Amino acid sequence: MISLTVNGVERQFDGDPETPLLWYIRDELGLNGTKYGCGTGLCGACTVHLDGQAVRGCLATVAEAEGTSVSTIEGLSPDGNHPVQVAWRDLNVPQCGFCQTGQIMQASALLAASPSPSDQEILEGMQGNICRCGCYQRIVGAVRRASTGV
């Protein structure tokens, strides 16, 4: 039996320990905000937090998450008002929206580690999260706004 905490709720998993965390989150817990993108950890659509660190849910296994605190987009803010989420809405970042939960999770982990990043640090910190629509300028602007309030 594997024990982990997901969005503040203690969970038990008795399936295959090598199950990707993404599938446990989506299929077992019904938390569909975390998206399946490439399945190889290259796009970032499946980004979640393990003990506050951004990880790719398609690569991390349930066994690797044992004893950790997992946060998904649903757990980032109970009312959807985390500063990154507010900045995303204020700047109308999404176009198609598919990658945005992963982008937001990556950005929130970046800001937790570096509360006042430069634009270059934002670009480096967000690297590996792909937006097919090319919303990168708005993404950088929203991370900047979330970090400064402006």
C-alpha atoms as a PDB file:
ATOM      1  CA  MET A   1       0.000   0.000   0.000  1.00  0.00           C
ATOM      2  CA  ILE A   2       1.392   3.383  -1.003  1.00  0.00           C
ATOM      3  CA  SER A   3       0.510   6.453   1.072  1.00  0.00           C
ATOM      4  CA  LEU A   4       0.633   9.958  -0.309  1.00  0.00           C
ATOM      5  CA  THR A   5      -1.165  13.240   0.193  1.00  0.00           C
ATOM      6  CA  VAL A   6      -2.919  14.809  -2.786  1.00  0.00           C
ATOM      7  CA  ASN A   7      -4.169  18.369  -2.423  1.00  0.00           C
ATOM      8  CA  GLY A   8      -4.089  18.023   1.344  1.00  0.00           C
ATOM      9  CA  VAL A   9      -5.996  14.721   1.480  1.00  0.00           C
ATOM     10  CA  GLU A  10      -4.251  11.552   2.664  1.00  0.00           C
ATOM     11  CA  ARG A  11      -4.595   8.825   0.001  1.00  0.00           C
ATOM     12  CA  GLN A  12      -3.807   5.126  -0.255  1.00  0.00           C
ATOM     13  CA  PHE A  13      -2.944   3.350  -3.499  1.00  0.00           C
ATOM     14  CA  ASP A  14      -2.785  -0.423  -3.770  1.00  0.00           C
ATOM     15  CA  GLY A  15      -2.161  -0.718  -7.511  1.00  0.00           C
ATOM     16  CA  ASP A  16       1.030  -1.076  -9.533  1.00  0.00           C
ATOM     17  CA  PRO A  17       3.644   1.181  -7.902  1.00  0.00           C
ATOM     18  CA  GLU A  18       5.067   1.997 -11.343  1.00  0.00           C
ATOM     19  CA  THR A  19       1.777   3.588 -12.428  1.00  0.00           C
ATOM     20  CA  PRO A  20       2.496   7.089 -13.697  1.00  0.00           C
ATOM     21  CA  LEU A  21       1.339   9.686 -11.196  1.00  0.00           C
ATOM     22  CA  LEU A  22      -0.600  11.372 -14.009  1.00  0.00           C
ATOM     23  CA  TRP A  23      -2.860   8.349 -14.483  1.00  0.00           C
ATOM     24  CA  TYR A  24      -3.408   7.942 -10.753  1.00  0.00           C
ATOM     25  CA  ILE A  25      -4.399  11.610 -10.485  1.00  0.00           C
ATOM     26  CA  ARG A  26      -6.708  11.520 -13.497  1.00  0.00           C
ATOM     27  CA  ASP A  27      -8.111   7.995 -13.508  1.00  0.00           C
ATOM     28  CA  GLU A  28      -8.209   7.079  -9.826  1.00  0.00           C
ATOM     29  CA  LEU A  29      -8.852  10.481  -8.254  1.00  0.00           C
ATOM     30  CA  GLY A  30     -10.827  12.060 -11.100  1.00  0.00           C
ATOM     31  CA  LEU A  31      -8.741  15.258 -11.045  1.00  0.00           C
ATOM     32  CA  ASN A  32      -8.718  16.068 -14.740  1.00  0.00           C
ATOM     33  CA  GLY A  33      -6.968  19.446 -14.634  1.00  0.00           C
ATOM     34  CA  THR A  34      -3.605  17.741 -15.062  1.00  0.00           C
ATOM     35  CA  LYS A  35      -3.349  16.999 -18.783  1.00  0.00           C
ATOM     36  CA  TYR A  36      -1.735  14.245 -20.813  1.00  0.00           C
ATOM     37  CA  GLY A  37       0.380  15.825 -23.522  1.00  0.00           C
ATOM     38  CA  CYS A  38       3.377  13.997 -24.933  1.00  0.00           C
ATOM     39  CA  GLY A  39       3.815  11.203 -22.388  1.00  0.00           C
ATOM     40  CA  THR A  40       7.588  11.682 -22.444  1.00  0.00           C
ATOM     41  CA  GLY A  41       8.034  14.627 -20.073  1.00  0.00           C
ATOM     42  CA  LEU A  42       8.888  17.090 -22.825  1.00  0.00           C
ATOM     43  CA  CYS A  43       5.789  19.297 -23.047  1.00  0.00           C
ATOM     44  CA  GLY A  44       4.917  20.060 -19.406  1.00  0.00           C
ATOM     45  CA  ALA A  45       1.122  19.700 -19.744  1.00  0.00           C
ATOM     46  CA  CYS A  46       1.165  17.164 -16.886  1.00  0.00           C
ATOM     47  CA  THR A  47       3.146  19.311 -14.437  1.00  0.00           C
ATOM     48  CA  VAL A  48       2.259  18.822 -10.763  1.00  0.00           C
ATOM     49  CA  HIS A  49       4.105  19.602  -7.540  1.00  0.00           C
ATOM     50  CA  LEU A  50       5.799  16.991  -5.375  1.00  0.00           C
ATOM     51  CA  ASP A  51       6.624  18.651  -2.073  1.00  0.00           C
ATOM     52  CA  GLY A  52       6.508  21.988  -3.884  1.00  0.00           C
ATOM     53  CA  GLN A  53       8.801  20.995  -6.765  1.00  0.00           C
ATOM     54  CA  ALA A  54       7.445  20.969 -10.315  1.00  0.00           C
ATOM     55  CA  VAL A  55       7.595  17.467 -11.808  1.00  0.00           C
ATOM     56  CA  ARG A  56       6.161  15.820 -14.879  1.00  0.00           C
ATOM     57  CA  GLY A  57       3.267  13.610 -13.833  1.00  0.00           C
ATOM     58  CA  CYS A  58       3.695  11.374 -16.864  1.00  0.00           C
ATOM     59  CA  LEU A  59       7.218  10.429 -15.738  1.00  0.00           C
ATOM     60  CA  ALA A  60       6.870  10.357 -11.946  1.00  0.00           C
ATOM     61  CA  THR A  61       5.435   7.132 -10.584  1.00  0.00           C
ATOM     62  CA  VAL A  62       3.073   6.656  -7.686  1.00  0.00           C
ATOM     63  CA  ALA A  63       5.931   4.877  -5.877  1.00  0.00           C
ATOM     64  CA  GLU A  64       8.115   7.991  -6.275  1.00  0.00           C
ATOM     65  CA  ALA A  65       5.314  10.066  -4.766  1.00  0.00           C
ATOM     66  CA  GLU A  66       5.030   7.848  -1.686  1.00  0.00           C
ATOM     67  CA  GLY A  67       5.198   9.902   1.489  1.00  0.00           C
ATOM     68  CA  THR A  68       5.103  13.194  -0.402  1.00  0.00           C
ATOM     69  CA  SER A  69       2.614  15.971  -0.760  1.00  0.00           C
ATOM     70  CA  VAL A  70       1.275  16.157  -4.313  1.00  0.00           C
ATOM     71  CA  SER A  71      -0.439  19.317  -5.530  1.00  0.00           C
ATOM     72  CA  THR A  72      -2.436  19.561  -8.733  1.00  0.00           C
ATOM     73  CA  ILE A  73      -4.031  22.608 -10.338  1.00  0.00           C
ATOM     74  CA  GLU A  74      -7.185  21.810  -8.354  1.00  0.00           C
ATOM     75  CA  GLY A  75      -5.213  22.115  -5.115  1.00  0.00           C
ATOM     76  CA  LEU A  76      -3.171  25.193  -5.985  1.00  0.00           C
ATOM     77  CA  SER A  77      -5.846  27.500  -4.592  1.00  0.00           C
ATOM     78  CA  PRO A  78      -9.241  26.411  -3.259  1.00  0.00           C
ATOM     79  CA  ASP A  79     -10.954  29.390  -4.899  1.00  0.00           C
ATOM     80  CA  GLY A  80      -8.762  29.657  -8.020  1.00  0.00           C
ATOM     81  CA  ASN A  81      -7.154  32.863  -6.817  1.00  0.00           C
ATOM     82  CA  HIS A  82      -3.487  31.936  -6.516  1.00  0.00           C
ATOM     83  CA  PRO A  83      -1.509  34.985  -7.737  1.00  0.00           C
ATOM     84  CA  VAL A  84      -0.430  33.083 -10.853  1.00  0.00           C
ATOM     85  CA  GLN A  85      -4.028  32.139 -11.681  1.00  0.00           C
ATOM     86  CA  VAL A  86      -5.154  35.740 -11.169  1.00  0.00           C
ATOM     87  CA  ALA A  87      -2.355  37.037 -13.417  1.00  0.00           C
ATOM     88  CA  TRP A  88      -3.251  34.439 -16.069  1.00  0.00           C
ATOM     89  CA  ARG A  89      -6.851  35.684 -16.097  1.00  0.00           C
ATOM     90  CA  ASP A  90      -5.920  39.369 -15.929  1.00  0.00           C
ATOM     91  CA  LEU A  91      -3.650  39.052 -18.974  1.00  0.00           C
ATOM     92  CA  ASN A  92      -5.871  36.602 -20.881  1.00  0.00           C
ATOM     93  CA  VAL A  93      -2.928  34.258 -21.311  1.00  0.00           C
ATOM     94  CA  PRO A  94      -4.578  31.140 -22.772  1.00  0.00           C
ATOM     95  CA  GLN A  95      -5.479  30.750 -26.384  1.00  0.00           C
ATOM     96  CA  CYS A  96      -6.518  27.107 -26.707  1.00  0.00           C
ATOM     97  CA  GLY A  97      -5.810  26.553 -23.005  1.00  0.00           C
ATOM     98  CA  PHE A  98      -4.615  22.942 -23.152  1.00  0.00           C
ATOM     99  CA  CYS A  99      -1.137  23.563 -21.734  1.00  0.00           C
ATOM    100  CA  GLN A 100      -2.147  26.210 -19.245  1.00  0.00           C
ATOM    101  CA  THR A 101      -2.548  24.083 -16.122  1.00  0.00           C
ATOM    102  CA  GLY A 102       0.988  22.784 -16.592  1.00  0.00           C
ATOM    103  CA  GLN A 103       2.225  26.317 -17.283  1.00  0.00           C
ATOM    104  CA  ILE A 104       0.546  27.615 -14.128  1.00  0.00           C
ATOM    105  CA  MET A 105       1.940  24.797 -11.994  1.00  0.00           C
ATOM    106  CA  GLN A 106       5.448  25.386 -13.373  1.00  0.00           C
ATOM    107  CA  ALA A 107       5.128  29.150 -12.817  1.00  0.00           C
ATOM    108  CA  SER A 108       3.883  28.786  -9.250  1.00  0.00           C
ATOM    109  CA  ALA A 109       6.800  26.467  -8.375  1.00  0.00           C
ATOM    110  CA  LEU A 110       9.205  28.925 -10.013  1.00  0.00           C
ATOM    111  CA  LEU A 111       7.839  31.819  -7.955  1.00  0.00           C
ATOM    112  CA  ALA A 112       7.904  29.807  -4.740  1.00  0.00           C
ATOM    113  CA  ALA A 113      11.615  29.177  -5.323  1.00  0.00           C
ATOM    114  CA  SER A 114      12.421  32.625  -6.746  1.00  0.00           C
ATOM    115  CA  PRO A 115       9.798  35.240  -5.788  1.00  0.00           C
ATOM    116  CA  SER A 116      11.227  38.041  -7.963  1.00  0.00           C
ATOM    117  CA  PRO A 117      12.695  36.476 -11.097  1.00  0.00           C
ATOM    118  CA  SER A 118      14.035  38.511 -14.006  1.00  0.00           C
ATOM    119  CA  ASP A 119      12.505  37.952 -17.431  1.00  0.00           C
ATOM    120  CA  GLN A 120      15.504  35.772 -18.305  1.00  0.00           C
ATOM    121  CA  GLU A 121      14.980  33.705 -15.151  1.00  0.00           C
ATOM    122  CA  ILE A 122      11.295  33.357 -16.051  1.00  0.00           C
ATOM    123  CA  LEU A 123      12.198  32.111 -19.530  1.00  0.00           C
ATOM    124  CA  GLU A 124      14.691  29.638 -18.072  1.00  0.00           C
ATOM    125  CA  GLY A 125      12.307  28.531 -15.318  1.00  0.00           C
ATOM    126  CA  MET A 126       9.472  27.941 -17.761  1.00  0.00           C
ATOM    127  CA  GLN A 127      11.642  26.110 -20.281  1.00  0.00           C
ATOM    128  CA  GLY A 128      10.224  22.730 -21.156  1.00  0.00           C
ATOM    129  CA  ASN A 129       6.600  23.854 -20.908  1.00  0.00           C
ATOM    130  CA  ILE A 130       5.433  24.045 -24.485  1.00  0.00           C
ATOM    131  CA  CYS A 131       2.561  26.187 -25.722  1.00  0.00           C
ATOM    132  CA  ARG A 132       1.465  25.167 -29.210  1.00  0.00           C
ATOM    133  CA  CYS A 133      -0.319  28.489 -29.619  1.00  0.00           C
ATOM    134  CA  GLY A 134       2.830  30.503 -28.891  1.00  0.00           C
ATOM    135  CA  CYS A 135       1.505  32.490 -25.920  1.00  0.00           C
ATOM    136  CA  TYR A 136       4.996  32.878 -24.492  1.00  0.00           C
ATOM    137  CA  GLN A 137       4.986  36.692 -24.247  1.00  0.00           C
ATOM    138  CA  ARG A 138       1.726  36.588 -22.272  1.00  0.00           C
ATOM    139  CA  ILE A 139       3.061  33.742 -20.110  1.00  0.00           C
ATOM    140  CA  VAL A 140       6.188  35.733 -19.209  1.00  0.00           C
ATOM    141  CA  GLY A 141       4.031  38.802 -18.573  1.00  0.00           C
ATOM    142  CA  ALA A 142       1.728  36.854 -16.272  1.00  0.00           C
ATOM    143  CA  VAL A 143       4.610  35.351 -14.287  1.00  0.00           C
ATOM    144  CA  ARG A 144       6.094  38.829 -13.971  1.00  0.00           C
ATOM    145  CA  ARG A 145       2.724  40.214 -12.808  1.00  0.00           C
ATOM    146  CA  ALA A 146       2.298  37.403 -10.293  1.00  0.00           C
ATOM    147  CA  SER A 147       5.740  38.145  -8.891  1.00  0.00           C
ATOM    148  CA  THR A 148       5.346  41.920  -8.694  1.00  0.00           C
ATOM    149  CA  GLY A 149       1.608  42.521  -8.604  1.00  0.00           C
ATOM    150  CA  VAL A 150       1.989  44.861 -11.594  1.00  0.00           C
END
